[in-house]
Protein backbone atom coordinates (compact mmCIF):
# COMPACT_ATOMS: atom_id res chain seq x y z
CA MET A 1 76.26 81.48 118.91
CA HIS A 2 73.49 83.40 121.04
CA ALA A 3 73.40 83.44 124.87
CA SER A 4 70.52 81.85 126.62
CA ALA A 5 67.47 83.88 127.39
CA GLY A 6 68.09 86.30 130.24
CA ALA A 7 71.85 85.92 129.94
CA ARG A 8 74.11 88.66 129.25
CA ARG A 9 77.56 88.72 127.80
CA LEU A 10 80.35 89.19 130.54
CA THR A 11 82.60 92.20 130.49
CA ARG A 12 86.40 91.66 130.35
CA GLY A 13 86.48 92.64 134.07
CA GLU A 14 83.81 90.23 135.04
CA THR A 15 85.48 87.44 132.99
CA ARG A 16 88.80 88.29 134.73
CA ILE A 17 87.21 88.04 138.20
CA LYS A 18 85.77 84.58 137.12
CA MET A 19 89.19 83.40 136.00
CA ARG A 20 90.73 84.59 139.30
CA ALA A 21 88.09 82.69 141.11
CA LEU A 22 89.49 79.52 139.51
CA GLY A 23 92.98 80.54 140.22
CA GLY A 24 95.57 79.97 143.02
CA ASP A 25 96.50 76.59 144.25
CA PHE A 26 93.65 74.99 142.24
CA MET A 27 94.87 76.30 139.00
CA THR A 28 98.53 75.12 139.79
CA GLN A 29 97.13 71.62 140.48
CA VAL A 30 95.27 71.77 137.28
CA ILE A 31 98.33 72.80 135.23
CA ARG A 32 100.50 70.26 136.85
CA SER A 33 97.83 67.45 136.33
CA ALA A 34 97.43 68.53 132.70
CA ALA A 35 101.21 68.44 132.20
CA ALA A 36 101.35 65.05 133.68
CA ALA A 37 98.51 63.63 131.63
CA LEU A 38 100.06 65.12 128.33
CA ILE A 39 103.55 63.74 129.16
CA LEU A 40 102.06 60.25 130.07
CA GLY A 41 100.04 60.08 126.87
CA LEU A 42 103.04 60.97 124.95
CA ALA A 43 105.17 58.45 126.64
CA PHE A 44 102.74 55.51 126.78
CA GLY A 45 101.55 55.04 123.15
CA ALA A 46 99.23 57.84 122.48
CA PRO A 47 100.99 59.26 119.25
CA ALA A 48 97.81 59.74 117.34
CA MET A 49 96.33 61.82 120.23
CA ALA A 50 99.58 63.69 120.67
CA GLN A 51 99.83 64.53 116.95
CA SER A 52 96.27 65.83 116.74
CA THR A 53 96.88 67.96 119.86
CA VAL A 54 100.13 69.44 118.30
CA GLU A 55 98.17 69.92 114.91
CA ALA A 56 95.34 71.61 116.68
CA GLY A 57 97.90 73.83 118.63
CA ALA A 58 99.61 74.74 115.33
CA ALA A 59 96.32 75.89 113.87
CA ALA A 60 95.47 77.91 116.84
CA PHE A 61 99.11 79.37 116.83
CA LYS A 62 98.86 80.33 113.06
CA ASN A 63 95.48 82.04 113.66
CA ARG A 64 96.30 83.77 116.90
CA CYS A 65 99.89 83.82 117.71
CA ALA A 66 102.00 84.05 114.27
CA VAL A 67 100.98 87.65 113.52
CA CYS A 68 103.26 88.53 116.38
CA HIS A 69 105.48 85.60 117.01
CA GLY A 70 105.92 84.71 113.42
CA GLU A 71 105.02 81.48 111.52
CA THR A 72 107.64 79.31 113.00
CA GLY A 73 107.52 81.20 116.56
CA LYS A 74 110.83 82.88 116.16
CA GLY A 75 109.41 86.24 117.16
CA ASP A 76 109.49 87.74 113.64
CA GLY A 77 105.66 88.28 112.99
CA THR A 78 104.74 91.21 110.85
CA VAL A 79 102.71 93.02 113.70
CA GLY A 80 105.28 92.00 116.31
CA GLN A 81 107.81 94.08 114.52
CA MET A 82 106.07 97.13 115.45
CA PHE A 83 106.09 96.66 119.02
CA THR A 84 108.85 98.52 121.40
CA HIS A 85 109.52 95.15 122.91
CA PRO A 86 109.85 92.44 120.06
CA PRO A 87 107.92 89.15 120.80
CA LYS A 88 109.89 86.30 122.25
CA ASN A 89 111.54 83.72 120.08
CA LEU A 90 109.43 80.71 121.25
CA THR A 91 111.63 78.12 119.92
CA LEU A 92 114.32 78.85 122.32
CA LEU A 93 112.22 78.43 125.49
CA SER A 94 113.75 74.98 126.34
CA LYS A 95 117.35 76.14 125.50
CA GLU A 96 117.01 79.28 127.79
CA ASN A 97 115.82 77.10 130.43
CA GLY A 98 118.68 74.58 130.82
CA GLY A 99 117.23 72.25 128.28
CA VAL A 100 113.87 71.89 130.00
CA PHE A 101 110.65 73.19 128.51
CA PRO A 102 109.18 75.56 130.92
CA PHE A 103 105.60 74.14 130.85
CA GLU A 104 104.13 75.98 133.75
CA ARG A 105 105.59 79.48 132.88
CA VAL A 106 104.43 79.12 129.26
CA TYR A 107 100.83 78.15 130.43
CA GLN A 108 100.74 81.13 132.86
CA SER A 109 102.07 83.31 130.16
CA ILE A 110 99.35 82.32 127.68
CA ASP A 111 96.55 82.39 130.17
CA GLY A 112 97.54 85.90 131.49
CA ARG A 113 98.54 84.99 135.18
CA LYS A 114 102.23 85.86 134.23
CA LYS A 115 102.73 89.52 133.49
CA ILE A 116 104.01 90.11 130.06
CA ALA A 117 103.83 93.63 128.61
CA ALA A 118 103.05 92.60 125.12
CA HIS A 119 99.96 90.45 126.31
CA GLY A 120 97.95 93.32 127.47
CA ILE A 121 99.64 94.60 130.53
CA GLY A 122 100.48 98.42 130.90
CA GLY A 123 97.91 99.46 128.21
CA SER A 124 99.17 97.31 125.33
CA PRO A 125 96.43 96.34 122.64
CA MET A 126 97.60 92.72 122.67
CA PRO A 127 94.86 90.36 124.30
CA ILE A 128 95.43 88.32 127.56
CA TRP A 129 94.58 85.00 125.92
CA GLY A 130 93.25 83.29 128.93
CA GLU A 131 90.60 86.01 129.16
CA TYR A 132 89.76 86.19 125.54
CA LEU A 133 89.40 82.49 125.29
CA MET A 134 87.43 82.38 128.44
CA GLU A 135 84.94 85.04 126.96
CA GLU A 136 84.73 83.07 123.69
CA ALA A 137 83.92 79.90 125.59
CA MET A 138 81.21 81.51 127.90
CA GLU A 139 79.56 82.93 124.76
CA ARG A 140 78.71 79.32 123.81
CA GLN A 141 75.04 78.57 124.56
CA GLY A 142 74.70 76.45 127.71
CA THR A 143 78.20 76.63 128.75
CA ASP A 144 78.71 77.29 132.39
CA LYS A 145 81.81 78.68 133.89
CA ASN A 146 83.46 75.34 134.92
CA ALA A 147 82.95 73.85 131.42
CA ALA A 148 84.19 77.07 129.85
CA ALA A 149 87.34 76.91 132.19
CA LEU A 150 87.86 73.41 131.06
CA MET A 151 87.69 74.41 127.28
CA VAL A 152 90.09 77.17 127.83
CA GLN A 153 92.62 74.84 129.60
CA GLY A 154 92.29 72.56 126.61
CA ARG A 155 92.86 75.18 124.03
CA ILE A 156 95.98 76.47 126.08
CA LEU A 157 97.39 72.95 126.44
CA GLN A 158 97.10 72.46 122.59
CA LEU A 159 99.12 75.80 122.01
CA ILE A 160 101.65 74.56 124.51
CA ALA A 161 102.00 71.10 122.70
CA TYR A 162 102.68 72.87 119.62
CA ILE A 163 105.11 75.42 121.16
CA GLN A 164 106.98 72.49 122.76
CA SER A 165 107.06 70.84 119.35
CA VAL A 166 109.08 73.60 117.83
CA GLN A 167 111.88 73.80 120.39
CA GLN A 168 115.47 73.82 119.02
């Protein structure tokens, strides 16, 4: 897609600033609200919606995450094997957290607020997904930063739905 006339593509730093401008307490509230909506939707008869969310998350995982985390999320991806610190086995997140899926921690890890060395902190070539997805959303013609932020949240929630579905 092409940017509208007079618009320019944001640099990674500018996108990071825009993401931070939406951060803080607001983002925590958004994350909690989204989690509640997802849980309520699953609990009160939205299986078709939940299934399509998991399927969309699975497709995104396959396209963006599997190369490092492996096709099944166990941390055995081909590129991930080259890292000094191997990727996390994502199927054990609930088990390692007392049987509770760590929704907020996973959200923050994907969007980049939680510092993870393999996700672009400390000079690693791995992208910080929240920033990457924000840049991608901002490139869409006619997308303002608020609409882009909502698109990013939706995509991250799809990934989380899939990761939660593969817990052991």
